[in-house]
């Protein structure tokens, strides 16, 4: 029966790839980098949109279909249709980025510690490989 320390080691190593992925994709989403510049525009960074689709919806990203051109509205109508200014909470966004960096560094430090123990190096490698392969397999099967 594994001790609590061994269970902690293997669970930590197994979940490290997912923790790093979700921390990074969440930090990128905090700044809306997964969206286009304007509503309806394709994302500026498709690879970030793909990460966000997995993070938010647990599905693969599909680029939006091109839309038929729309006639430009009259200037008065365009002014009425303009969206109101959104409130930006920059301190909270910066905290989310700091949280993501902390999670990533803590997880990577845990990997380092797990792999410095020669007796558990092989089993930690299997746990890490499983933590990388299982989510990838589940995404491909979905």
C-alpha atoms as a PDB file:
ATOM      1  CA  UNK A   1       0.000   0.000   0.000  1.00  0.00           C
ATOM      2  CA  UNK A   2       1.567   3.291  -1.028  1.00  0.00           C
ATOM      3  CA  UNK A   3       2.186   5.848   1.636  1.00  0.00           C
ATOM      4  CA  UNK A   4       0.488   9.224   1.560  1.00  0.00           C
ATOM      5  CA  UNK A   5       3.738  10.784   0.337  1.00  0.00           C
ATOM      6  CA  UNK A   6       3.963   8.361  -2.598  1.00  0.00           C
ATOM      7  CA  UNK A   7       0.308   8.916  -3.468  1.00  0.00           C
ATOM      8  CA  UNK A   8       0.909  12.680  -3.405  1.00  0.00           C
ATOM      9  CA  UNK A   9       3.973  12.297  -5.637  1.00  0.00           C
ATOM     10  CA  UNK A  10       2.292  10.194  -8.297  1.00  0.00           C
ATOM     11  CA  UNK A  11      -0.965  12.171  -8.351  1.00  0.00           C
ATOM     12  CA  UNK A  12       1.010  15.406  -8.574  1.00  0.00           C
ATOM     13  CA  UNK A  13       3.173  14.126 -11.416  1.00  0.00           C
ATOM     14  CA  UNK A  14       0.141  12.677 -13.230  1.00  0.00           C
ATOM     15  CA  UNK A  15      -1.855  15.928 -13.053  1.00  0.00           C
ATOM     16  CA  UNK A  16       1.025  18.352 -13.701  1.00  0.00           C
ATOM     17  CA  UNK A  17       0.490  18.523 -17.498  1.00  0.00           C
ATOM     18  CA  UNK A  18      -3.201  19.355 -17.008  1.00  0.00           C
ATOM     19  CA  UNK A  19      -2.470  21.904 -14.275  1.00  0.00           C
ATOM     20  CA  UNK A  20       0.075  23.688 -16.458  1.00  0.00           C
ATOM     21  CA  UNK A  21      -2.247  23.598 -19.488  1.00  0.00           C
ATOM     22  CA  UNK A  22      -5.258  24.984 -17.611  1.00  0.00           C
ATOM     23  CA  UNK A  23      -3.197  27.615 -15.814  1.00  0.00           C
ATOM     24  CA  UNK A  24      -1.679  28.907 -19.047  1.00  0.00           C
ATOM     25  CA  UNK A  25      -4.916  28.826 -21.041  1.00  0.00           C
ATOM     26  CA  UNK A  26      -6.790  30.542 -18.209  1.00  0.00           C
ATOM     27  CA  UNK A  27      -4.199  33.317 -18.024  1.00  0.00           C
ATOM     28  CA  UNK A  28      -4.463  33.880 -21.776  1.00  0.00           C
ATOM     29  CA  UNK A  29      -8.256  33.983 -21.564  1.00  0.00           C
ATOM     30  CA  UNK A  30      -8.124  36.588 -18.795  1.00  0.00           C
ATOM     31  CA  UNK A  31      -6.924  39.046 -21.441  1.00  0.00           C
ATOM     32  CA  UNK A  32      -9.407  37.787 -24.087  1.00  0.00           C
ATOM     33  CA  UNK A  33      -6.589  36.633 -26.358  1.00  0.00           C
ATOM     34  CA  UNK A  34      -8.792  33.746 -27.507  1.00  0.00           C
ATOM     35  CA  UNK A  35     -11.219  36.152 -29.188  1.00  0.00           C
ATOM     36  CA  UNK A  36     -11.065  38.330 -32.267  1.00  0.00           C
ATOM     37  CA  UNK A  37     -10.544  42.073 -32.069  1.00  0.00           C
ATOM     38  CA  UNK A  38     -14.262  42.682 -32.613  1.00  0.00           C
ATOM     39  CA  UNK A  39     -17.319  40.553 -31.998  1.00  0.00           C
ATOM     40  CA  UNK A  40     -17.731  38.115 -34.876  1.00  0.00           C
ATOM     41  CA  UNK A  41     -14.106  38.411 -36.026  1.00  0.00           C
ATOM     42  CA  UNK A  42     -12.010  35.244 -36.149  1.00  0.00           C
ATOM     43  CA  UNK A  43      -9.556  34.922 -33.263  1.00  0.00           C
ATOM     44  CA  UNK A  44      -6.289  36.762 -33.624  1.00  0.00           C
ATOM     45  CA  UNK A  45      -4.368  33.763 -32.282  1.00  0.00           C
ATOM     46  CA  UNK A  46      -6.018  30.481 -33.386  1.00  0.00           C
ATOM     47  CA  UNK A  47      -3.741  28.375 -31.164  1.00  0.00           C
ATOM     48  CA  UNK A  48      -4.964  30.310 -28.103  1.00  0.00           C
ATOM     49  CA  UNK A  49      -8.560  29.835 -29.294  1.00  0.00           C
ATOM     50  CA  UNK A  50      -7.871  26.102 -29.523  1.00  0.00           C
ATOM     51  CA  UNK A  51      -6.554  26.063 -25.943  1.00  0.00           C
ATOM     52  CA  UNK A  52      -9.587  28.064 -24.790  1.00  0.00           C
ATOM     53  CA  UNK A  53     -11.991  25.655 -26.516  1.00  0.00           C
ATOM     54  CA  UNK A  54     -10.448  22.753 -24.619  1.00  0.00           C
ATOM     55  CA  UNK A  55     -10.368  24.743 -21.377  1.00  0.00           C
ATOM     56  CA  UNK A  56     -13.934  26.074 -21.538  1.00  0.00           C
ATOM     57  CA  UNK A  57     -15.873  23.520 -23.585  1.00  0.00           C
ATOM     58  CA  UNK A  58     -13.686  20.379 -23.532  1.00  0.00           C
ATOM     59  CA  UNK A  59     -13.790  20.202 -27.320  1.00  0.00           C
ATOM     60  CA  UNK A  60     -11.530  20.830 -30.269  1.00  0.00           C
ATOM     61  CA  UNK A  61     -11.525  24.303 -31.796  1.00  0.00           C
ATOM     62  CA  UNK A  62     -13.189  24.775 -35.153  1.00  0.00           C
ATOM     63  CA  UNK A  63     -12.478  28.047 -36.972  1.00  0.00           C
ATOM     64  CA  UNK A  64     -15.612  30.089 -37.663  1.00  0.00           C
ATOM     65  CA  UNK A  65     -17.083  29.832 -41.133  1.00  0.00           C
ATOM     66  CA  UNK A  66     -16.629  32.939 -43.274  1.00  0.00           C
ATOM     67  CA  UNK A  67     -19.753  35.058 -43.309  1.00  0.00           C
ATOM     68  CA  UNK A  68     -21.312  36.751 -46.289  1.00  0.00           C
ATOM     69  CA  UNK A  69     -20.409  40.444 -46.493  1.00  0.00           C
ATOM     70  CA  UNK A  70     -22.923  42.727 -44.814  1.00  0.00           C
ATOM     71  CA  UNK A  71     -23.747  46.197 -46.076  1.00  0.00           C
ATOM     72  CA  UNK A  72     -22.294  48.908 -43.883  1.00  0.00           C
ATOM     73  CA  UNK A  73     -24.945  50.521 -41.652  1.00  0.00           C
ATOM     74  CA  UNK A  74     -25.651  54.212 -41.779  1.00  0.00           C
ATOM     75  CA  UNK A  75     -23.408  56.293 -39.462  1.00  0.00           C
ATOM     76  CA  UNK A  76     -26.274  57.085 -37.073  1.00  0.00           C
ATOM     77  CA  UNK A  77     -27.244  53.416 -36.847  1.00  0.00           C
ATOM     78  CA  UNK A  78     -23.621  52.423 -36.280  1.00  0.00           C
ATOM     79  CA  UNK A  79     -23.353  54.808 -33.336  1.00  0.00           C
ATOM     80  CA  UNK A  80     -26.467  53.263 -31.740  1.00  0.00           C
ATOM     81  CA  UNK A  81     -25.195  49.726 -32.323  1.00  0.00           C
ATOM     82  CA  UNK A  82     -21.809  50.381 -30.727  1.00  0.00           C
ATOM     83  CA  UNK A  83     -21.353  48.217 -27.652  1.00  0.00           C
ATOM     84  CA  UNK A  84     -20.890  49.968 -24.325  1.00  0.00           C
ATOM     85  CA  UNK A  85     -17.380  50.178 -22.897  1.00  0.00           C
ATOM     86  CA  UNK A  86     -16.610  47.106 -20.800  1.00  0.00           C
ATOM     87  CA  UNK A  87     -15.172  47.487 -17.324  1.00  0.00           C
ATOM     88  CA  UNK A  88     -11.611  46.192 -17.164  1.00  0.00           C
ATOM     89  CA  UNK A  89     -10.423  44.936 -13.801  1.00  0.00           C
ATOM     90  CA  UNK A  90      -6.687  44.981 -14.485  1.00  0.00           C
ATOM     91  CA  UNK A  91      -5.590  44.131 -10.910  1.00  0.00           C
ATOM     92  CA  UNK A  92      -7.691  40.964 -11.009  1.00  0.00           C
ATOM     93  CA  UNK A  93      -6.340  40.047 -14.449  1.00  0.00           C
ATOM     94  CA  UNK A  94      -2.790  40.500 -13.192  1.00  0.00           C
ATOM     95  CA  UNK A  95      -3.610  38.348 -10.171  1.00  0.00           C
ATOM     96  CA  UNK A  96      -4.873  35.607 -12.514  1.00  0.00           C
ATOM     97  CA  UNK A  97      -1.578  35.752 -14.422  1.00  0.00           C
ATOM     98  CA  UNK A  98       0.390  35.617 -11.141  1.00  0.00           C
ATOM     99  CA  UNK A  99      -1.742  32.660 -10.058  1.00  0.00           C
ATOM    100  CA  UNK A 100      -1.036  30.870 -13.338  1.00  0.00           C
ATOM    101  CA  UNK A 101       2.699  31.505 -13.052  1.00  0.00           C
ATOM    102  CA  UNK A 102       2.657  30.271  -9.445  1.00  0.00           C
ATOM    103  CA  UNK A 103       0.765  27.106 -10.351  1.00  0.00           C
ATOM    104  CA  UNK A 104       3.130  26.374 -13.227  1.00  0.00           C
ATOM    105  CA  UNK A 105       6.274  26.982 -11.182  1.00  0.00           C
ATOM    106  CA  UNK A 106       4.962  24.956  -8.252  1.00  0.00           C
ATOM    107  CA  UNK A 107       3.992  22.074 -10.524  1.00  0.00           C
ATOM    108  CA  UNK A 108       7.314  22.110 -12.352  1.00  0.00           C
ATOM    109  CA  UNK A 109       9.159  22.220  -9.024  1.00  0.00           C
ATOM    110  CA  UNK A 110       7.168  19.156  -7.981  1.00  0.00           C
ATOM    111  CA  UNK A 111       8.239  17.387 -11.164  1.00  0.00           C
ATOM    112  CA  UNK A 112      11.839  18.254 -10.445  1.00  0.00           C
ATOM    113  CA  UNK A 113      11.560  16.895  -6.915  1.00  0.00           C
ATOM    114  CA  UNK A 114       9.833  13.712  -8.117  1.00  0.00           C
ATOM    115  CA  UNK A 115      12.526  13.041 -10.702  1.00  0.00           C
ATOM    116  CA  UNK A 116      15.461  13.719  -8.387  1.00  0.00           C
ATOM    117  CA  UNK A 117      14.603  10.647  -6.305  1.00  0.00           C
ATOM    118  CA  UNK A 118      16.340   7.779  -8.125  1.00  0.00           C
ATOM    119  CA  UNK A 119      14.074   5.113  -6.590  1.00  0.00           C
ATOM    120  CA  UNK A 120      10.884   6.652  -7.962  1.00  0.00           C
ATOM    121  CA  UNK A 121      12.207   8.113 -11.207  1.00  0.00           C
ATOM    122  CA  UNK A 122      10.844   5.346 -13.435  1.00  0.00           C
ATOM    123  CA  UNK A 123       7.386   5.258 -11.867  1.00  0.00           C
ATOM    124  CA  UNK A 124       7.244   9.085 -11.921  1.00  0.00           C
ATOM    125  CA  UNK A 125       8.059   8.919 -15.632  1.00  0.00           C
ATOM    126  CA  UNK A 126       5.184   6.502 -16.183  1.00  0.00           C
ATOM    127  CA  UNK A 127       2.841   8.753 -14.199  1.00  0.00           C
ATOM    128  CA  UNK A 128       3.920  11.790 -16.235  1.00  0.00           C
ATOM    129  CA  UNK A 129       3.508   9.917 -19.525  1.00  0.00           C
ATOM    130  CA  UNK A 130       0.040   8.784 -18.423  1.00  0.00           C
ATOM    131  CA  UNK A 131      -0.885  12.323 -17.410  1.00  0.00           C
ATOM    132  CA  UNK A 132       0.055  13.520 -20.875  1.00  0.00           C
ATOM    133  CA  UNK A 133      -1.371  10.603 -22.875  1.00  0.00           C
ATOM    134  CA  UNK A 134      -4.745  10.145 -21.176  1.00  0.00           C
ATOM    135  CA  UNK A 135      -6.102  13.683 -21.781  1.00  0.00           C
ATOM    136  CA  UNK A 136      -4.790  13.658 -25.356  1.00  0.00           C
ATOM    137  CA  UNK A 137      -6.504  10.320 -25.961  1.00  0.00           C
ATOM    138  CA  UNK A 138      -9.762  11.554 -24.416  1.00  0.00           C
ATOM    139  CA  UNK A 139      -9.705  14.653 -26.631  1.00  0.00           C
ATOM    140  CA  UNK A 140      -9.095  12.589 -29.742  1.00  0.00           C
ATOM    141  CA  UNK A 141     -11.877  10.143 -28.873  1.00  0.00           C
ATOM    142  CA  UNK A 142     -14.428  12.897 -28.170  1.00  0.00           C
END
